[in-house]
Amino acid sequence: MAQSSNLKMDQAFDRIRGYSRDHNLRLSQVAGDLVAGKIDPNILASPVSESRQPL
């Protein structure tokens, strides 16, 4: 995801984690679905909203 979306690794992780939280899914499930092509990485390419950013 980092490479295809032109993101740094920490940015890609934050977006995967945010998607995971927003959809009440395990992080490992979201990562696996990205690899399997079940989730479009472009959906995760937008920035994490301020309310989801880590403290």
Protein backbone atom coordinates (compact mmCIF):
# COMPACT_ATOMS: atom_id res chain seq x y z
CA MET A 1 0.00 0.00 0.00
CA ALA A 2 2.80 2.41 0.85
CA GLN A 3 4.37 1.95 -2.56
CA SER A 4 1.18 1.98 -4.64
CA SER A 5 -0.19 5.04 -2.82
CA ASN A 6 3.18 6.81 -2.65
CA LEU A 7 3.07 6.99 1.16
CA LYS A 8 5.64 6.59 3.90
CA MET A 9 5.32 3.34 5.84
CA ASP A 10 3.96 5.05 8.97
CA GLN A 11 1.34 6.88 6.91
CA ALA A 12 0.22 3.65 5.24
CA PHE A 13 0.01 1.90 8.62
CA ASP A 14 -2.05 4.76 10.09
CA ARG A 15 -4.53 4.51 7.22
CA ILE A 16 -4.83 0.73 7.47
CA ARG A 17 -5.29 1.02 11.23
CA GLY A 18 -7.89 3.76 10.81
CA TYR A 19 -9.84 1.66 8.30
CA SER A 20 -9.64 -1.26 10.69
CA ARG A 21 -11.04 0.81 13.56
CA ASP A 22 -13.74 2.47 11.46
CA HIS A 23 -15.00 -0.88 10.21
CA ASN A 24 -14.52 -2.76 13.48
CA LEU A 25 -12.14 -5.24 11.85
CA ARG A 26 -8.91 -6.76 13.08
CA LEU A 27 -5.82 -5.11 11.64
CA SER A 28 -4.58 -8.48 10.39
CA GLN A 29 -7.87 -9.02 8.53
CA VAL A 30 -7.61 -5.65 6.77
CA ALA A 31 -3.96 -6.30 5.86
CA GLY A 32 -4.84 -9.73 4.49
CA ASP A 33 -7.76 -8.35 2.51
CA LEU A 34 -5.49 -5.68 1.00
CA VAL A 35 -2.99 -8.33 -0.09
CA ALA A 36 -5.78 -10.54 -1.48
CA GLY A 37 -7.25 -7.63 -3.43
CA LYS A 38 -10.52 -7.63 -1.48
CA ILE A 39 -10.00 -4.02 -0.39
CA ASP A 40 -9.03 -1.36 -2.91
CA PRO A 41 -5.92 0.45 -1.61
CA ASN A 42 -7.25 3.67 -3.15
CA ILE A 43 -10.01 3.65 -0.53
CA LEU A 44 -7.31 3.91 2.13
CA ALA A 45 -5.22 6.48 0.25
CA SER A 46 -7.01 9.47 1.75
CA PRO A 47 -5.56 10.94 4.95
CA VAL A 48 -6.68 9.84 8.40
CA SER A 49 -9.17 12.28 9.86
CA GLU A 50 -8.02 14.40 12.77
CA SER A 51 -10.37 12.56 15.13
CA ARG A 52 -8.60 9.25 14.38
CA GLN A 53 -5.01 10.47 14.63
CA PRO A 54 -3.00 9.06 17.51
CA LEU A 55 -2.51 11.24 20.56
